[in-house]
């Protein structure tokens, strides 16, 4: 029962995080278009813009994932010590796998939402 409650809570957090990512991309879309137009005006390709966007989302995802993993680790440590008087020893492979999954999902969602800002021509982006 505890596993089902935690899984449901995790699914809710994942949905809320996806909504926050998409809404933040839409809120920053004008600035993103300006940034992309400046990059494109220097002669860089759209692929370069997408790579820079991917790096931005990887850093954002790394910050969020690291905070989530450290928070989970501290919560597990405190619960095990206070409730069970046992040492908490997390599985580092699972932690790294969780980190990788969060990074992939956040980056993919950010790139998918940010591709819209590259849809126009360079002149259109510069005009905006």
C-alpha atoms as a PDB file:
ATOM      1  CA  UNK A   1       0.000   0.000   0.000  1.00  0.00           C
ATOM      2  CA  UNK A   2       2.841   2.397   0.816  1.00  0.00           C
ATOM      3  CA  UNK A   3       4.431   1.657  -2.568  1.00  0.00           C
ATOM      4  CA  UNK A   4       1.163   2.491  -4.349  1.00  0.00           C
ATOM      5  CA  UNK A   5       0.812   5.762  -2.458  1.00  0.00           C
ATOM      6  CA  UNK A   6       4.399   6.741  -3.242  1.00  0.00           C
ATOM      7  CA  UNK A   7       3.968   5.747  -6.898  1.00  0.00           C
ATOM      8  CA  UNK A   8       0.803   7.824  -7.178  1.00  0.00           C
ATOM      9  CA  UNK A   9       2.482  10.777  -5.522  1.00  0.00           C
ATOM     10  CA  UNK A  10       5.468  10.405  -7.876  1.00  0.00           C
ATOM     11  CA  UNK A  11       3.175  10.334 -10.911  1.00  0.00           C
ATOM     12  CA  UNK A  12       1.483  13.508  -9.699  1.00  0.00           C
ATOM     13  CA  UNK A  13       4.847  15.222  -9.245  1.00  0.00           C
ATOM     14  CA  UNK A  14       5.931  14.120 -12.739  1.00  0.00           C
ATOM     15  CA  UNK A  15       2.764  15.562 -14.288  1.00  0.00           C
ATOM     16  CA  UNK A  16       3.170  18.830 -12.392  1.00  0.00           C
ATOM     17  CA  UNK A  17       6.818  19.063 -13.439  1.00  0.00           C
ATOM     18  CA  UNK A  18       5.863  18.551 -17.085  1.00  0.00           C
ATOM     19  CA  UNK A  19       3.249  21.309 -16.813  1.00  0.00           C
ATOM     20  CA  UNK A  20       5.800  23.654 -15.237  1.00  0.00           C
ATOM     21  CA  UNK A  21       8.350  22.939 -17.974  1.00  0.00           C
ATOM     22  CA  UNK A  22       5.880  23.497 -20.802  1.00  0.00           C
ATOM     23  CA  UNK A  23       4.456  26.659 -19.240  1.00  0.00           C
ATOM     24  CA  UNK A  24       7.936  28.070 -18.577  1.00  0.00           C
ATOM     25  CA  UNK A  25       8.902  27.449 -22.192  1.00  0.00           C
ATOM     26  CA  UNK A  26       5.760  29.207 -23.405  1.00  0.00           C
ATOM     27  CA  UNK A  27       6.335  32.106 -21.014  1.00  0.00           C
ATOM     28  CA  UNK A  28       9.909  32.544 -22.235  1.00  0.00           C
ATOM     29  CA  UNK A  29       9.094  31.970 -25.910  1.00  0.00           C
ATOM     30  CA  UNK A  30       9.619  35.613 -26.925  1.00  0.00           C
ATOM     31  CA  UNK A  31      13.048  35.737 -25.295  1.00  0.00           C
ATOM     32  CA  UNK A  32      13.878  32.360 -26.787  1.00  0.00           C
ATOM     33  CA  UNK A  33      12.998  33.633 -30.273  1.00  0.00           C
ATOM     34  CA  UNK A  34      15.209  36.686 -29.759  1.00  0.00           C
ATOM     35  CA  UNK A  35      18.084  34.530 -28.543  1.00  0.00           C
ATOM     36  CA  UNK A  36      17.704  32.180 -31.487  1.00  0.00           C
ATOM     37  CA  UNK A  37      17.538  35.052 -33.966  1.00  0.00           C
ATOM     38  CA  UNK A  38      20.777  36.495 -32.587  1.00  0.00           C
ATOM     39  CA  UNK A  39      22.480  33.102 -32.828  1.00  0.00           C
ATOM     40  CA  UNK A  40      21.174  32.591 -36.359  1.00  0.00           C
ATOM     41  CA  UNK A  41      22.235  36.115 -37.384  1.00  0.00           C
ATOM     42  CA  UNK A  42      25.847  35.219 -36.546  1.00  0.00           C
ATOM     43  CA  UNK A  43      25.669  32.506 -39.191  1.00  0.00           C
ATOM     44  CA  UNK A  44      25.152  29.524 -36.951  1.00  0.00           C
ATOM     45  CA  UNK A  45      22.748  26.817 -38.032  1.00  0.00           C
ATOM     46  CA  UNK A  46      19.442  25.781 -36.511  1.00  0.00           C
ATOM     47  CA  UNK A  47      21.200  22.615 -35.371  1.00  0.00           C
ATOM     48  CA  UNK A  48      23.548  24.747 -33.278  1.00  0.00           C
ATOM     49  CA  UNK A  49      20.552  26.492 -31.724  1.00  0.00           C
ATOM     50  CA  UNK A  50      19.024  23.119 -30.881  1.00  0.00           C
ATOM     51  CA  UNK A  51      22.320  21.949 -29.356  1.00  0.00           C
ATOM     52  CA  UNK A  52      22.511  25.078 -27.193  1.00  0.00           C
ATOM     53  CA  UNK A  53      18.877  24.546 -26.193  1.00  0.00           C
ATOM     54  CA  UNK A  54      19.691  20.928 -25.288  1.00  0.00           C
ATOM     55  CA  UNK A  55      22.616  22.071 -23.125  1.00  0.00           C
ATOM     56  CA  UNK A  56      20.383  24.585 -21.339  1.00  0.00           C
ATOM     57  CA  UNK A  57      17.786  21.909 -20.610  1.00  0.00           C
ATOM     58  CA  UNK A  58      20.452  19.411 -19.520  1.00  0.00           C
ATOM     59  CA  UNK A  59      21.738  21.917 -16.954  1.00  0.00           C
ATOM     60  CA  UNK A  60      18.180  22.691 -15.834  1.00  0.00           C
ATOM     61  CA  UNK A  61      17.380  18.988 -15.561  1.00  0.00           C
ATOM     62  CA  UNK A  62      20.636  18.276 -13.709  1.00  0.00           C
ATOM     63  CA  UNK A  63      19.849  20.936 -11.110  1.00  0.00           C
ATOM     64  CA  UNK A  64      16.296  19.641 -10.620  1.00  0.00           C
ATOM     65  CA  UNK A  65      17.297  15.967 -10.601  1.00  0.00           C
ATOM     66  CA  UNK A  66      20.179  16.505  -8.210  1.00  0.00           C
ATOM     67  CA  UNK A  67      17.901  18.381  -5.827  1.00  0.00           C
ATOM     68  CA  UNK A  68      15.267  15.657  -6.037  1.00  0.00           C
ATOM     69  CA  UNK A  69      17.772  12.863  -5.425  1.00  0.00           C
ATOM     70  CA  UNK A  70      19.438  14.663  -2.522  1.00  0.00           C
ATOM     71  CA  UNK A  71      16.014  15.414  -1.012  1.00  0.00           C
ATOM     72  CA  UNK A  72      14.974  11.789  -1.347  1.00  0.00           C
ATOM     73  CA  UNK A  73      18.259  10.630   0.123  1.00  0.00           C
ATOM     74  CA  UNK A  74      17.914  12.942   3.138  1.00  0.00           C
ATOM     75  CA  UNK A  75      14.286  11.946   3.672  1.00  0.00           C
ATOM     76  CA  UNK A  76      15.210   8.253   3.544  1.00  0.00           C
ATOM     77  CA  UNK A  77      18.115   8.806   5.900  1.00  0.00           C
ATOM     78  CA  UNK A  78      15.991  10.667   8.436  1.00  0.00           C
ATOM     79  CA  UNK A  79      13.082   8.228   8.242  1.00  0.00           C
ATOM     80  CA  UNK A  80      15.292   5.161   8.617  1.00  0.00           C
ATOM     81  CA  UNK A  81      17.167   6.683  11.547  1.00  0.00           C
ATOM     82  CA  UNK A  82      14.177   8.074  13.434  1.00  0.00           C
ATOM     83  CA  UNK A  83      11.625   5.318  12.784  1.00  0.00           C
ATOM     84  CA  UNK A  84      13.693   2.158  12.449  1.00  0.00           C
ATOM     85  CA  UNK A  85      17.081   3.059  14.006  1.00  0.00           C
ATOM     86  CA  UNK A  86      18.728   1.598  10.919  1.00  0.00           C
ATOM     87  CA  UNK A  87      21.385   3.033   8.627  1.00  0.00           C
ATOM     88  CA  UNK A  88      20.121   4.122   5.233  1.00  0.00           C
ATOM     89  CA  UNK A  89      22.170   2.790   2.337  1.00  0.00           C
ATOM     90  CA  UNK A  90      20.676   3.754  -1.018  1.00  0.00           C
ATOM     91  CA  UNK A  91      21.411   1.845  -4.203  1.00  0.00           C
ATOM     92  CA  UNK A  92      23.683   4.140  -6.210  1.00  0.00           C
ATOM     93  CA  UNK A  93      22.887   2.387  -9.488  1.00  0.00           C
ATOM     94  CA  UNK A  94      19.209   3.233  -9.018  1.00  0.00           C
ATOM     95  CA  UNK A  95      20.095   6.810  -8.118  1.00  0.00           C
ATOM     96  CA  UNK A  96      22.218   7.194 -11.257  1.00  0.00           C
ATOM     97  CA  UNK A  97      19.508   5.558 -13.370  1.00  0.00           C
ATOM     98  CA  UNK A  98      16.947   7.961 -11.896  1.00  0.00           C
ATOM     99  CA  UNK A  99      19.242  10.877 -12.641  1.00  0.00           C
ATOM    100  CA  UNK A 100      19.639   9.712 -16.248  1.00  0.00           C
ATOM    101  CA  UNK A 101      15.891   9.232 -16.742  1.00  0.00           C
ATOM    102  CA  UNK A 102      15.101  12.675 -15.333  1.00  0.00           C
ATOM    103  CA  UNK A 103      17.752  14.289 -17.524  1.00  0.00           C
ATOM    104  CA  UNK A 104      16.484  12.568 -20.661  1.00  0.00           C
ATOM    105  CA  UNK A 105      12.842  13.404 -19.978  1.00  0.00           C
ATOM    106  CA  UNK A 106      13.430  17.052 -19.042  1.00  0.00           C
ATOM    107  CA  UNK A 107      15.765  17.624 -21.987  1.00  0.00           C
ATOM    108  CA  UNK A 108      13.431  15.928 -24.468  1.00  0.00           C
ATOM    109  CA  UNK A 109      10.418  17.854 -23.209  1.00  0.00           C
ATOM    110  CA  UNK A 110      12.338  21.141 -23.276  1.00  0.00           C
ATOM    111  CA  UNK A 111      13.662  20.575 -26.795  1.00  0.00           C
ATOM    112  CA  UNK A 112      10.248  19.522 -28.079  1.00  0.00           C
ATOM    113  CA  UNK A 113       8.639  22.624 -26.617  1.00  0.00           C
ATOM    114  CA  UNK A 114      11.505  24.904 -27.704  1.00  0.00           C
ATOM    115  CA  UNK A 115      11.545  23.739 -31.340  1.00  0.00           C
ATOM    116  CA  UNK A 116       8.557  25.962 -31.988  1.00  0.00           C
ATOM    117  CA  UNK A 117      10.715  29.056 -31.507  1.00  0.00           C
ATOM    118  CA  UNK A 118      12.897  27.969 -34.450  1.00  0.00           C
ATOM    119  CA  UNK A 119      10.009  27.402 -36.828  1.00  0.00           C
ATOM    120  CA  UNK A 120      10.140  30.857 -38.481  1.00  0.00           C
ATOM    121  CA  UNK A 121      12.666  32.330 -40.854  1.00  0.00           C
ATOM    122  CA  UNK A 122      15.666  34.347 -39.697  1.00  0.00           C
ATOM    123  CA  UNK A 123      14.066  37.578 -40.967  1.00  0.00           C
ATOM    124  CA  UNK A 124      10.875  36.849 -39.070  1.00  0.00           C
ATOM    125  CA  UNK A 125      12.827  36.057 -35.910  1.00  0.00           C
ATOM    126  CA  UNK A 126      14.891  39.249 -36.288  1.00  0.00           C
ATOM    127  CA  UNK A 127      11.735  41.321 -36.837  1.00  0.00           C
ATOM    128  CA  UNK A 128      10.272  40.082 -33.583  1.00  0.00           C
END
